Amino acid sequence: MRIALVQVGSPSSEDPIARRDRVGQMVSEAVSADLVMLPELWLPGYFSFERYQELAEPLGGETVEAGREWAKNLRSYLHLGSIVERGHDGRLYNTAILIDPTGKVVHVHRKVHIFGYGSREVELLSPGSQVTVASTSFGTTAATTCYDLRFPELWRSLVDLGAISVMVPAAWPAVRLDHWRLFTSCRAVEEQLMILGCNAVGDQDGTLLGGHSRVVDPWGTVLVEAGDQEGVTYCDLDMDVVDKVRQEFPVLLDRRLIGPVSFSDEAL
């Protein structure tokens, strides 16, 4: 299986509609890939908070429709990164979308953990309340978005649902790049998953994004890591390695569920 990680910059000086056309051209060049991935909120730019309302769209909006055409033209899966979704309830969500080679939307993930540290996301967007998986030609897969990486309980629920890979679109700042590397590697080893992480790059309204999109296997081996510039990074991988690792080192079978912690007088 061949993955194409498309690192995108979203400068505030660029018209978002022109950006969508430009990103479409970048995606179209990944003709050899079985799965093409984009980062989080590349159309508005994650840190362009004042544009969220203006650029919010339903799941059947122009960006998703464009993505469906891109996937059909490539005849490959396309993880569209995420959009600012305007839900039927009128609320806004940070929503990641996977499209299959026929142009069908096969998985949607509304970001569960909304970021508040140095960010207005928590003021503007509503959190998702569900995690789900999708059956694909490369196995059962799922997605989490950026800050979701810091919450292992969400990830364990994806394993319990059968996921063998998780796609992670992100707009992770360069100042915390070490954390991006740490958590993508940790989640891969801890959950015995293939992690496919696609991060944004460039300056967004004064915040430098870190790039370094990467693929990490269940042993923690980094199969590829991009740099900090726009472009497409490819990775060839064998998804069967997940089953092999889980059989050889079946740590997930040794889990024990422990109830709430309490202390007896004897323990004290």
Protein backbone atom coordinates (compact mmCIF):
# COMPACT_ATOMS: atom_id res chain seq x y z
CA MET A 1 0.00 0.00 0.00
CA ARG A 2 1.28 3.46 -0.88
CA ILE A 3 0.40 6.53 1.22
CA ALA A 4 0.76 10.13 0.06
CA LEU A 5 0.98 12.73 2.84
CA VAL A 6 0.21 16.16 1.38
CA GLN A 7 1.61 18.91 3.59
CA VAL A 8 -0.23 22.18 2.96
CA GLY A 9 0.40 25.74 4.04
CA SER A 10 -2.55 28.08 4.59
CA PRO A 11 -1.19 31.64 4.62
CA SER A 12 -3.73 34.31 5.55
CA SER A 13 -2.79 36.27 2.42
CA GLU A 14 -4.10 33.51 0.14
CA ASP A 15 -7.75 33.39 -0.90
CA PRO A 16 -9.23 30.12 0.47
CA ILE A 17 -11.03 29.34 -2.78
CA ALA A 18 -7.79 29.73 -4.70
CA ARG A 19 -6.19 27.51 -2.06
CA ARG A 20 -8.73 24.78 -2.70
CA ASP A 21 -7.83 24.80 -6.40
CA ARG A 22 -4.12 24.74 -5.57
CA VAL A 23 -4.52 21.85 -3.13
CA GLY A 24 -6.57 19.99 -5.73
CA GLN A 25 -3.62 20.25 -8.08
CA MET A 26 -1.26 18.93 -5.39
CA VAL A 27 -3.61 16.00 -4.74
CA SER A 28 -3.91 15.22 -8.46
CA GLU A 29 -0.16 14.63 -8.67
CA ALA A 30 -0.34 11.74 -6.17
CA VAL A 31 -1.45 9.34 -8.89
CA SER A 32 0.51 6.36 -7.54
CA ALA A 33 -1.00 6.43 -4.05
CA ASP A 34 -3.69 4.15 -2.63
CA LEU A 35 -4.47 6.71 0.09
CA VAL A 36 -3.88 10.46 -0.08
CA MET A 37 -4.02 12.51 3.13
CA LEU A 38 -4.45 16.23 3.86
CA PRO A 39 -4.00 18.11 7.16
CA GLU A 40 -6.46 19.71 9.56
CA LEU A 41 -8.54 22.74 8.48
CA TRP A 42 -6.30 23.53 5.51
CA LEU A 43 -9.01 25.54 3.71
CA PRO A 44 -9.61 28.29 6.30
CA GLY A 45 -6.28 27.77 8.04
CA TYR A 46 -6.59 26.47 11.58
CA PHE A 47 -5.58 29.77 13.21
CA SER A 48 -7.80 31.95 10.98
CA PHE A 49 -10.56 31.86 13.59
CA GLU A 50 -12.34 34.91 12.24
CA ARG A 51 -13.09 33.00 9.01
CA TYR A 52 -14.66 29.91 10.56
CA GLN A 53 -18.23 31.18 10.26
CA GLU A 54 -17.72 32.42 6.70
CA LEU A 55 -16.07 29.21 5.46
CA ALA A 56 -18.19 26.68 7.36
CA GLU A 57 -20.04 24.27 5.09
CA PRO A 58 -22.23 21.18 5.35
CA LEU A 59 -20.91 17.70 4.62
CA GLY A 60 -22.32 18.07 1.12
CA GLY A 61 -20.58 21.42 0.59
CA GLU A 62 -18.12 22.53 -2.06
CA THR A 63 -14.96 21.25 -0.38
CA VAL A 64 -16.34 17.74 0.16
CA GLU A 65 -17.76 17.70 -3.38
CA ALA A 66 -14.33 18.73 -4.71
CA GLY A 67 -12.72 15.98 -2.63
CA ARG A 68 -15.12 13.41 -4.03
CA GLU A 69 -14.05 14.36 -7.55
CA TRP A 70 -10.37 14.24 -6.60
CA ALA A 71 -10.79 10.73 -5.17
CA LYS A 72 -12.67 9.49 -8.24
CA ASN A 73 -10.07 10.95 -10.60
CA LEU A 74 -7.24 9.34 -8.62
CA ARG A 75 -9.19 6.11 -8.09
CA SER A 76 -7.81 6.09 -4.57
CA TYR A 77 -8.92 6.81 -1.04
CA LEU A 78 -8.68 10.45 0.00
CA HIS A 79 -8.58 11.62 3.57
CA LEU A 80 -9.72 15.21 3.11
CA GLY A 81 -8.18 16.36 6.37
CA SER A 82 -10.84 18.35 8.16
CA ILE A 83 -13.31 21.12 7.39
CA VAL A 84 -15.34 23.51 9.51
CA GLU A 85 -18.64 21.69 9.27
CA ARG A 86 -21.93 23.48 9.81
CA GLY A 87 -24.13 20.81 11.33
CA HIS A 88 -27.87 20.44 10.94
CA ASP A 89 -28.14 21.90 14.44
CA GLY A 90 -26.38 25.08 13.28
CA ARG A 91 -23.30 24.41 15.41
CA LEU A 92 -19.80 24.27 13.95
CA TYR A 93 -17.56 21.22 14.15
CA ASN A 94 -13.99 20.35 13.18
CA THR A 95 -14.84 17.38 10.99
CA ALA A 96 -12.44 14.93 9.32
CA ILE A 97 -13.65 13.06 6.24
CA LEU A 98 -12.53 9.90 4.39
CA ILE A 99 -13.67 9.37 0.79
CA ASP A 100 -13.35 6.08 -1.10
CA PRO A 101 -12.17 5.64 -4.73
CA THR A 102 -15.76 5.86 -6.01
CA GLY A 103 -16.23 9.27 -4.41
CA LYS A 104 -18.35 8.03 -1.51
CA VAL A 105 -17.86 9.48 1.98
CA VAL A 106 -17.14 6.41 4.12
CA HIS A 107 -16.02 7.90 7.43
CA VAL A 108 -16.62 11.11 9.36
CA HIS A 109 -14.96 12.13 12.63
CA ARG A 110 -15.98 15.23 14.53
CA LYS A 111 -12.99 16.24 16.65
CA VAL A 112 -13.77 15.18 20.20
CA HIS A 113 -11.22 17.23 22.15
CA ILE A 114 -11.44 20.92 21.31
CA PHE A 115 -8.23 22.85 21.88
CA GLY A 116 -8.23 25.90 24.13
CA TYR A 117 -4.58 26.63 24.90
CA GLY A 118 -3.69 29.74 22.86
CA SER A 119 -6.59 28.94 20.53
CA ARG A 120 -10.16 30.15 19.98
CA GLU A 121 -11.29 26.74 18.74
CA VAL A 122 -12.96 26.05 22.08
CA GLU A 123 -15.01 29.26 21.74
CA LEU A 124 -16.13 28.66 18.16
CA LEU A 125 -16.54 24.92 17.68
CA SER A 126 -18.52 22.17 19.37
CA PRO A 127 -16.91 18.83 20.30
CA GLY A 128 -17.88 15.58 18.66
CA SER A 129 -19.39 12.91 20.85
CA GLN A 130 -18.71 9.66 18.97
CA VAL A 131 -15.85 7.58 17.65
CA THR A 132 -16.37 5.13 14.80
CA VAL A 133 -14.39 3.00 12.37
CA ALA A 134 -14.72 2.25 8.65
CA SER A 135 -14.08 -0.89 6.61
CA THR A 136 -11.75 -0.23 3.69
CA SER A 137 -9.62 -2.20 1.24
CA PHE A 138 -6.67 -1.64 3.60
CA GLY A 139 -8.51 -2.88 6.69
CA THR A 140 -10.54 -1.34 9.46
CA THR A 141 -9.49 2.26 9.93
CA ALA A 142 -10.44 5.35 11.92
CA ALA A 143 -9.44 8.96 12.42
CA THR A 144 -8.68 11.33 15.24
CA THR A 145 -7.79 14.99 14.82
CA CYS A 146 -4.71 16.75 16.21
CA TYR A 147 -5.38 17.38 19.95
CA ASP A 148 -7.20 14.02 20.15
CA LEU A 149 -3.70 12.49 20.15
CA ARG A 150 -3.28 13.47 23.81
CA PHE A 151 -6.19 11.33 25.06
CA PRO A 152 -5.34 7.60 25.09
CA GLU A 153 -8.78 6.48 26.26
CA LEU A 154 -10.22 7.61 22.92
CA TRP A 155 -7.58 5.58 21.11
CA ARG A 156 -8.22 2.43 23.12
CA SER A 157 -11.89 2.65 22.14
CA LEU A 158 -10.83 2.60 18.47
CA VAL A 159 -8.84 -0.58 19.07
CA ASP A 160 -11.88 -2.13 20.73
CA LEU A 161 -13.85 -1.27 17.57
CA GLY A 162 -11.31 -3.16 15.46
CA ALA A 163 -9.10 -0.42 14.03
CA ILE A 164 -5.69 -1.43 12.70
CA SER A 165 -4.81 2.03 11.43
CA VAL A 166 -5.69 5.59 12.41
CA MET A 167 -5.37 8.69 10.26
CA VAL A 168 -4.43 11.89 12.10
CA PRO A 169 -4.88 15.22 10.29
CA ALA A 170 -3.29 18.00 12.32
CA ALA A 171 -2.32 21.65 12.57
CA TRP A 172 0.37 21.03 15.18
CA PRO A 173 2.59 24.04 15.98
CA ALA A 174 6.34 23.82 15.47
CA VAL A 175 6.96 24.92 19.06
CA ARG A 176 5.55 21.57 20.25
CA LEU A 177 6.94 19.42 17.46
CA ASP A 178 8.57 17.06 19.98
CA HIS A 179 5.11 16.29 21.36
CA TRP A 180 3.81 15.51 17.85
CA ARG A 181 6.59 12.99 17.39
CA LEU A 182 6.15 11.59 20.90
CA PHE A 183 2.39 11.05 20.72
CA THR A 184 2.27 9.61 17.21
CA SER A 185 4.95 7.10 18.20
CA CYS A 186 3.44 6.40 21.63
CA ARG A 187 -0.09 5.78 20.29
CA ALA A 188 1.29 3.44 17.60
CA VAL A 189 3.14 1.29 20.14
CA GLU A 190 0.56 1.52 22.93
CA GLU A 191 -2.39 0.56 20.70
CA GLN A 192 -0.42 -1.60 18.24
CA LEU A 193 -1.68 0.41 15.29
CA MET A 194 -0.38 1.96 12.10
CA ILE A 195 -0.41 5.74 12.60
CA LEU A 196 -0.74 7.94 9.50
CA GLY A 197 -0.20 11.55 10.54
CA CYS A 198 -0.50 14.53 8.18
CA ASN A 199 0.43 17.92 9.64
CA ALA A 200 0.12 21.42 8.22
CA VAL A 201 3.09 23.72 7.54
CA GLY A 202 3.94 27.40 7.24
CA ASP A 203 2.88 30.53 9.07
CA GLN A 204 -0.79 30.89 9.95
CA ASP A 205 -1.69 34.24 11.46
CA GLY A 206 1.56 34.38 13.42
CA THR A 207 1.81 30.70 14.41
CA LEU A 208 4.38 28.49 12.70
CA LEU A 209 3.10 24.99 12.04
CA GLY A 210 5.47 22.07 12.38
CA GLY A 211 4.95 19.74 9.40
CA HIS A 212 6.93 16.52 9.81
CA SER A 213 4.02 14.36 8.70
CA ARG A 214 4.88 10.77 9.50
CA VAL A 215 3.90 7.11 9.37
CA VAL A 216 4.67 4.98 12.44
CA ASP A 217 4.19 1.21 12.64
CA PRO A 218 3.14 -0.82 15.74
CA TRP A 219 6.75 -1.45 16.75
CA GLY A 220 7.29 2.32 16.87
CA THR A 221 9.38 2.32 13.71
CA VAL A 222 9.05 5.60 11.83
CA LEU A 223 8.57 4.47 8.24
CA VAL A 224 8.73 8.00 6.83
CA GLU A 225 8.88 11.55 8.13
CA ALA A 226 8.50 14.67 6.00
CA GLY A 227 10.23 17.99 6.52
CA ASP A 228 8.71 21.38 7.31
CA GLN A 229 7.81 22.54 3.78
CA GLU A 230 4.83 22.07 1.51
CA GLY A 231 4.90 18.98 -0.67
CA VAL A 232 3.94 15.35 -1.03
CA THR A 233 5.73 12.60 0.93
CA TYR A 234 5.18 8.96 -0.03
CA CYS A 235 5.40 5.84 2.08
CA ASP A 236 5.06 2.19 1.03
CA LEU A 237 3.85 -0.04 3.83
CA ASP A 238 2.51 -3.49 4.59
CA MET A 239 -0.67 -3.33 6.67
CA ASP A 240 -0.26 -7.03 7.58
CA VAL A 241 2.44 -5.95 10.03
CA VAL A 242 -0.28 -4.95 12.50
CA ASP A 243 -1.63 -8.49 12.80
CA LYS A 244 1.92 -9.89 12.93
CA VAL A 245 2.88 -7.60 15.81
CA ARG A 246 -0.33 -8.30 17.72
CA GLN A 247 0.23 -12.05 17.38
CA GLU A 248 3.92 -11.97 18.23
CA PHE A 249 3.59 -9.60 21.17
CA PRO A 250 -0.07 -9.79 22.28
CA VAL A 251 0.02 -7.03 24.86
CA LEU A 252 -3.59 -6.01 24.18
CA LEU A 253 -4.75 -9.43 25.40
CA ASP A 254 -3.14 -8.82 28.78
CA ARG A 255 -5.30 -5.83 29.63
CA ARG A 256 -6.98 -5.83 33.03
CA LEU A 257 -9.84 -3.50 33.86
CA ILE A 258 -9.40 -1.88 37.25
CA GLY A 259 -12.21 -0.01 38.97
CA PRO A 260 -12.04 3.35 40.76
CA VAL A 261 -9.06 3.74 43.07
CA SER A 262 -9.80 3.67 46.79
CA PHE A 263 -7.64 3.33 49.89
CA SER A 264 -8.40 1.21 52.93
CA ASP A 265 -7.14 1.97 56.41
CA GLU A 266 -4.78 -1.00 56.04
CA ALA A 267 -3.31 0.46 52.87
CA LEU A 268 -2.62 3.72 54.66
